[in-house]
Amino acid sequence: MGKKIGGIESFFLEQQTVDDLAEPVKKSARTVEPTPAPKAVVEITANNREKAKRKDEDIRATFIVNPKRLDQLKAIAYWDRAKIKDIHDAALEMYIESRSDIPQILAKRKGK
């Protein structure tokens, strides 16, 4: 038997216990169904990189950037109403096109 309710409540309520008052709540409580396990996160592997190259998709990479240059990239992107990644890609493309020794560098790098 549960704890009796006393005090002023005893004048207005019949003699009920706390357990009796909680009974409707216990009956109406729903059980929580387990949520399905989250899908596994795909790791970036050589196979995934090849797929990305074939589909012409971007690959996420992390670089250390000079804060001043980053602010400049952000300002240009804001001014041109473009994404930072598009501005960064255009800057890299201009730099790579300005270099005439890229084919030799790539050949030496593949020869490792």
N, C-alpha and C. Protein backbone atom coordinates (compact mmCIF):
# COMPACT_ATOMS: atom_id res chain seq x y z
N MET A 1 0.85 -1.17 0.00
CA MET A 1 0.00 0.00 0.00
C MET A 1 0.89 1.23 0.00
N GLY A 2 0.51 2.25 -0.74
CA GLY A 2 1.34 3.43 -0.90
C GLY A 2 1.18 4.42 0.23
N LYS A 3 1.84 5.51 0.08
CA LYS A 3 1.83 6.58 1.08
C LYS A 3 0.47 7.28 1.06
N LYS A 4 -0.10 7.51 2.24
CA LYS A 4 -1.39 8.20 2.35
C LYS A 4 -1.20 9.69 2.15
N ILE A 5 -2.20 10.28 1.50
CA ILE A 5 -2.18 11.72 1.31
C ILE A 5 -2.77 12.34 2.57
N GLY A 6 -2.08 13.33 3.10
CA GLY A 6 -2.58 13.96 4.31
C GLY A 6 -2.71 15.45 4.10
N GLY A 7 -2.91 16.18 5.14
CA GLY A 7 -2.99 17.62 5.07
C GLY A 7 -4.34 18.08 4.57
N ILE A 8 -4.36 19.19 3.91
CA ILE A 8 -5.60 19.81 3.44
C ILE A 8 -6.29 18.97 2.37
N GLU A 9 -5.49 18.20 1.62
CA GLU A 9 -6.08 17.36 0.57
C GLU A 9 -7.03 16.33 1.15
N SER A 10 -6.75 15.89 2.37
CA SER A 10 -7.58 14.85 2.96
C SER A 10 -9.02 15.33 3.20
N PHE A 11 -9.26 16.64 3.27
CA PHE A 11 -10.62 17.16 3.45
C PHE A 11 -11.41 17.14 2.14
N PHE A 12 -10.71 17.26 1.03
CA PHE A 12 -11.40 17.37 -0.25
C PHE A 12 -11.41 16.07 -1.04
N LEU A 13 -10.51 15.18 -0.76
CA LEU A 13 -10.41 13.93 -1.49
C LEU A 13 -10.77 12.77 -0.59
N GLU A 14 -11.19 11.71 -1.22
CA GLU A 14 -11.39 10.49 -0.45
C GLU A 14 -10.02 9.99 -0.06
N GLN A 15 -9.97 9.08 0.85
CA GLN A 15 -8.70 8.53 1.29
C GLN A 15 -8.10 7.71 0.13
N GLN A 16 -7.22 8.32 -0.60
CA GLN A 16 -6.54 7.65 -1.69
C GLN A 16 -5.05 7.71 -1.44
N THR A 17 -4.38 6.75 -1.97
CA THR A 17 -2.93 6.74 -1.83
C THR A 17 -2.31 7.36 -3.08
N VAL A 18 -1.04 7.67 -2.97
CA VAL A 18 -0.33 8.23 -4.11
C VAL A 18 -0.31 7.22 -5.25
N ASP A 19 -0.18 5.94 -4.92
CA ASP A 19 -0.18 4.89 -5.95
C ASP A 19 -1.51 4.85 -6.69
N ASP A 20 -2.62 5.03 -5.96
CA ASP A 20 -3.93 5.03 -6.59
C ASP A 20 -4.07 6.19 -7.57
N LEU A 21 -3.54 7.35 -7.19
CA LEU A 21 -3.63 8.52 -8.07
C LEU A 21 -2.74 8.37 -9.31
N ALA A 22 -1.65 7.66 -9.17
CA ALA A 22 -0.72 7.49 -10.29
C ALA A 22 -1.13 6.37 -11.22
N GLU A 23 -2.09 5.56 -10.84
CA GLU A 23 -2.50 4.41 -11.65
C GLU A 23 -2.92 4.79 -13.07
N PRO A 24 -3.77 5.83 -13.27
CA PRO A 24 -4.13 6.19 -14.65
C PRO A 24 -2.92 6.58 -15.49
N VAL A 25 -1.95 7.21 -14.87
CA VAL A 25 -0.76 7.60 -15.60
C VAL A 25 0.03 6.37 -16.01
N LYS A 26 0.13 5.39 -15.12
CA LYS A 26 0.85 4.16 -15.43
C LYS A 26 0.19 3.43 -16.58
N LYS A 27 -1.15 3.40 -16.59
CA LYS A 27 -1.87 2.69 -17.64
C LYS A 27 -1.74 3.38 -18.99
N SER A 28 -1.73 4.71 -18.98
CA SER A 28 -1.70 5.43 -20.25
C SER A 28 -0.30 5.65 -20.79
N ALA A 29 0.72 5.34 -20.00
CA ALA A 29 2.10 5.54 -20.45
C ALA A 29 2.40 4.58 -21.60
N ARG A 30 2.99 5.13 -22.65
CA ARG A 30 3.36 4.31 -23.81
C ARG A 30 4.79 3.84 -23.65
N THR A 31 5.04 2.71 -24.18
CA THR A 31 6.42 2.22 -24.17
C THR A 31 7.16 2.85 -25.34
N VAL A 32 8.41 3.15 -25.13
CA VAL A 32 9.23 3.76 -26.17
C VAL A 32 9.82 2.67 -27.03
N GLU A 33 9.54 2.76 -28.32
CA GLU A 33 10.09 1.77 -29.24
C GLU A 33 11.53 2.13 -29.56
N PRO A 34 12.38 1.13 -29.65
CA PRO A 34 13.78 1.44 -29.96
C PRO A 34 13.91 2.00 -31.37
N THR A 35 14.77 3.00 -31.50
CA THR A 35 15.00 3.59 -32.82
C THR A 35 15.99 2.73 -33.57
N PRO A 36 15.86 2.67 -34.88
CA PRO A 36 16.81 1.86 -35.64
C PRO A 36 18.22 2.43 -35.54
N ALA A 37 19.18 1.56 -35.63
CA ALA A 37 20.57 1.99 -35.55
C ALA A 37 20.90 2.88 -36.74
N PRO A 38 21.70 3.93 -36.52
CA PRO A 38 22.05 4.81 -37.64
C PRO A 38 22.88 4.06 -38.67
N LYS A 39 22.74 4.49 -39.92
CA LYS A 39 23.52 3.87 -40.99
C LYS A 39 24.98 4.20 -40.79
N ALA A 40 25.81 3.30 -41.19
CA ALA A 40 27.25 3.47 -41.01
C ALA A 40 27.75 4.64 -41.86
N VAL A 41 28.66 5.39 -41.32
CA VAL A 41 29.27 6.50 -42.04
C VAL A 41 30.28 5.93 -43.02
N VAL A 42 30.22 6.40 -44.26
CA VAL A 42 31.12 5.90 -45.29
C VAL A 42 32.47 6.57 -45.14
N GLU A 43 33.50 5.77 -45.05
CA GLU A 43 34.85 6.31 -44.95
C GLU A 43 35.35 6.65 -46.35
N ILE A 44 36.20 7.66 -46.42
CA ILE A 44 36.80 8.01 -47.70
C ILE A 44 37.95 7.05 -47.95
N THR A 45 37.84 6.27 -48.96
CA THR A 45 38.88 5.32 -49.33
C THR A 45 39.29 5.60 -50.76
N ALA A 46 40.27 4.87 -51.22
CA ALA A 46 40.72 5.03 -52.61
C ALA A 46 39.58 4.72 -53.57
N ASN A 47 38.77 3.73 -53.24
CA ASN A 47 37.64 3.37 -54.09
C ASN A 47 36.64 4.52 -54.16
N ASN A 48 36.36 5.16 -53.04
CA ASN A 48 35.43 6.29 -53.02
C ASN A 48 35.98 7.47 -53.81
N ARG A 49 37.29 7.67 -53.73
CA ARG A 49 37.90 8.78 -54.48
C ARG A 49 37.75 8.54 -55.99
N GLU A 50 37.92 7.29 -56.40
CA GLU A 50 37.77 6.97 -57.83
C GLU A 50 36.33 7.22 -58.28
N LYS A 51 35.37 6.85 -57.43
CA LYS A 51 33.97 7.11 -57.77
C LYS A 51 33.72 8.61 -57.88
N ALA A 52 34.29 9.38 -56.96
CA ALA A 52 34.11 10.83 -56.98
C ALA A 52 34.72 11.42 -58.24
N LYS A 53 35.86 10.91 -58.67
CA LYS A 53 36.47 11.42 -59.90
C LYS A 53 35.60 11.11 -61.10
N ARG A 54 35.03 9.92 -61.11
CA ARG A 54 34.18 9.54 -62.25
C ARG A 54 32.91 10.36 -62.29
N LYS A 55 32.35 10.66 -61.14
CA LYS A 55 31.10 11.40 -61.09
C LYS A 55 31.32 12.90 -61.10
N ASP A 56 32.56 13.34 -61.11
CA ASP A 56 32.91 14.75 -61.08
C ASP A 56 32.33 15.43 -59.83
N GLU A 57 32.46 14.72 -58.70
CA GLU A 57 32.01 15.27 -57.43
C GLU A 57 33.19 15.84 -56.67
N ASP A 58 32.89 16.69 -55.71
CA ASP A 58 33.93 17.25 -54.86
C ASP A 58 34.28 16.28 -53.74
N ILE A 59 35.50 16.35 -53.27
CA ILE A 59 35.95 15.58 -52.12
C ILE A 59 36.25 16.56 -51.00
N ARG A 60 35.81 16.23 -49.80
CA ARG A 60 36.06 17.09 -48.65
C ARG A 60 37.51 16.92 -48.20
N ALA A 61 38.20 18.03 -48.04
CA ALA A 61 39.59 18.02 -47.58
C ALA A 61 39.79 19.14 -46.57
N THR A 62 40.78 19.00 -45.73
CA THR A 62 41.06 20.00 -44.70
C THR A 62 42.42 20.61 -44.96
N PHE A 63 42.49 21.93 -44.95
CA PHE A 63 43.73 22.65 -45.18
C PHE A 63 43.91 23.71 -44.11
N ILE A 64 45.15 24.03 -43.85
CA ILE A 64 45.46 25.15 -42.97
C ILE A 64 45.60 26.38 -43.86
N VAL A 65 44.84 27.42 -43.51
CA VAL A 65 44.76 28.60 -44.36
C VAL A 65 45.15 29.83 -43.54
N ASN A 66 45.82 30.75 -44.20
CA ASN A 66 46.15 32.03 -43.59
C ASN A 66 44.83 32.77 -43.32
N PRO A 67 44.60 33.23 -42.09
CA PRO A 67 43.33 33.90 -41.77
C PRO A 67 43.03 35.11 -42.65
N LYS A 68 44.07 35.85 -43.03
CA LYS A 68 43.87 37.01 -43.90
C LYS A 68 43.34 36.57 -45.27
N ARG A 69 43.92 35.49 -45.81
CA ARG A 69 43.46 34.98 -47.12
C ARG A 69 42.03 34.45 -47.03
N LEU A 70 41.72 33.80 -45.92
CA LEU A 70 40.37 33.28 -45.75
C LEU A 70 39.36 34.42 -45.68
N ASP A 71 39.69 35.48 -44.96
CA ASP A 71 38.80 36.64 -44.91
C ASP A 71 38.61 37.25 -46.29
N GLN A 72 39.69 37.28 -47.07
CA GLN A 72 39.59 37.82 -48.44
C GLN A 72 38.70 36.94 -49.31
N LEU A 73 38.86 35.61 -49.18
CA LEU A 73 37.99 34.70 -49.95
C LEU A 73 36.53 34.89 -49.56
N LYS A 74 36.28 35.00 -48.26
CA LYS A 74 34.91 35.19 -47.79
C LYS A 74 34.32 36.50 -48.29
N ALA A 75 35.14 37.56 -48.29
CA ALA A 75 34.67 38.86 -48.77
C ALA A 75 34.33 38.81 -50.25
N ILE A 76 35.18 38.16 -51.03
CA ILE A 76 34.91 38.04 -52.47
C ILE A 76 33.64 37.23 -52.71
N ALA A 77 33.50 36.13 -51.97
CA ALA A 77 32.30 35.30 -52.12
C ALA A 77 31.04 36.08 -51.74
N TYR A 78 31.13 36.86 -50.68
CA TYR A 78 29.98 37.67 -50.27
C TYR A 78 29.65 38.71 -51.34
N TRP A 79 30.67 39.36 -51.84
CA TRP A 79 30.45 40.43 -52.81
C TRP A 79 29.89 39.89 -54.13
N ASP A 80 30.38 38.72 -54.54
CA ASP A 80 29.93 38.12 -55.79
C ASP A 80 28.68 37.25 -55.62
N ARG A 81 28.19 37.14 -54.39
CA ARG A 81 27.04 36.28 -54.09
C ARG A 81 27.30 34.85 -54.58
N ALA A 82 28.47 34.34 -54.21
CA ALA A 82 28.89 33.00 -54.61
C ALA A 82 29.29 32.21 -53.37
N LYS A 83 29.45 30.93 -53.54
CA LYS A 83 29.90 30.09 -52.44
C LYS A 83 31.41 30.21 -52.31
N ILE A 84 31.88 30.08 -51.07
CA ILE A 84 33.32 30.17 -50.82
C ILE A 84 34.06 29.09 -51.60
N LYS A 85 33.49 27.88 -51.66
CA LYS A 85 34.16 26.80 -52.37
C LYS A 85 34.27 27.10 -53.86
N ASP A 86 33.30 27.81 -54.44
CA ASP A 86 33.39 28.16 -55.86
C ASP A 86 34.49 29.20 -56.10
N ILE A 87 34.61 30.17 -55.20
CA ILE A 87 35.66 31.17 -55.32
C ILE A 87 37.03 30.51 -55.15
N HIS A 88 37.14 29.62 -54.18
CA HIS A 88 38.39 28.89 -53.94
C HIS A 88 38.75 28.06 -55.17
N ASP A 89 37.77 27.37 -55.74
CA ASP A 89 38.00 26.54 -56.91
C ASP A 89 38.46 27.39 -58.10
N ALA A 90 37.86 28.56 -58.29
CA ALA A 90 38.25 29.44 -59.40
C ALA A 90 39.68 29.95 -59.20
N ALA A 91 40.04 30.28 -57.95
CA ALA A 91 41.40 30.76 -57.68
C ALA A 91 42.42 29.66 -57.94
N LEU A 92 42.12 28.44 -57.51
CA LEU A 92 43.03 27.32 -57.76
C LEU A 92 43.15 27.04 -59.26
N GLU A 93 42.04 27.11 -59.95
CA GLU A 93 42.05 26.86 -61.39
C GLU A 93 42.92 27.90 -62.11
N MET A 94 42.79 29.17 -61.73
CA MET A 94 43.62 30.22 -62.35
C MET A 94 45.09 29.98 -62.06
N TYR A 95 45.42 29.58 -60.84
CA TYR A 95 46.81 29.34 -60.48
C TYR A 95 47.37 28.15 -61.26
N ILE A 96 46.61 27.06 -61.33
CA ILE A 96 47.08 25.88 -62.04
C ILE A 96 47.25 26.16 -63.53
N GLU A 97 46.33 26.91 -64.12
CA GLU A 97 46.45 27.25 -65.54
C GLU A 97 47.64 28.15 -65.81
N SER A 98 48.05 28.94 -64.82
CA SER A 98 49.20 29.83 -65.02
C SER A 98 50.53 29.08 -64.97
N ARG A 99 50.53 27.88 -64.45
CA ARG A 99 51.76 27.09 -64.36
C ARG A 99 51.90 26.24 -65.62
N SER A 100 53.05 26.33 -66.26
CA SER A 100 53.29 25.54 -67.47
C SER A 100 53.98 24.21 -67.16
N ASP A 101 54.45 24.04 -65.93
CA ASP A 101 55.19 22.83 -65.59
C ASP A 101 54.33 21.76 -64.90
N ILE A 102 53.05 21.89 -64.90
CA ILE A 102 52.17 20.93 -64.25
C ILE A 102 52.30 19.53 -64.85
N PRO A 103 52.34 19.36 -66.19
CA PRO A 103 52.49 18.00 -66.73
C PRO A 103 53.78 17.30 -66.25
N GLN A 104 54.87 18.05 -66.16
CA GLN A 104 56.12 17.44 -65.68
C GLN A 104 56.01 17.06 -64.19
N ILE A 105 55.39 17.91 -63.42
CA ILE A 105 55.22 17.62 -62.00
C ILE A 105 54.37 16.37 -61.80
N LEU A 106 53.28 16.28 -62.55
CA LEU A 106 52.41 15.10 -62.45
C LEU A 106 53.12 13.83 -62.88
N ALA A 107 53.94 13.92 -63.95
CA ALA A 107 54.69 12.75 -64.42
C ALA A 107 55.68 12.29 -63.36
N LYS A 108 56.40 13.22 -62.73
CA LYS A 108 57.35 12.85 -61.69
C LYS A 108 56.64 12.26 -60.48
N ARG A 109 55.48 12.81 -60.15
CA ARG A 109 54.74 12.34 -58.98
C ARG A 109 54.20 10.94 -59.20
N LYS A 110 53.75 10.64 -60.40
CA LYS A 110 53.23 9.30 -60.70
C LYS A 110 54.34 8.27 -60.75
N GLY A 111 55.57 8.72 -60.99
CA GLY A 111 56.69 7.82 -61.07
C GLY A 111 57.22 7.37 -59.73
N LYS A 112 56.58 7.75 -58.65
CA LYS A 112 57.05 7.37 -57.31
C LYS A 112 57.14 5.88 -57.14
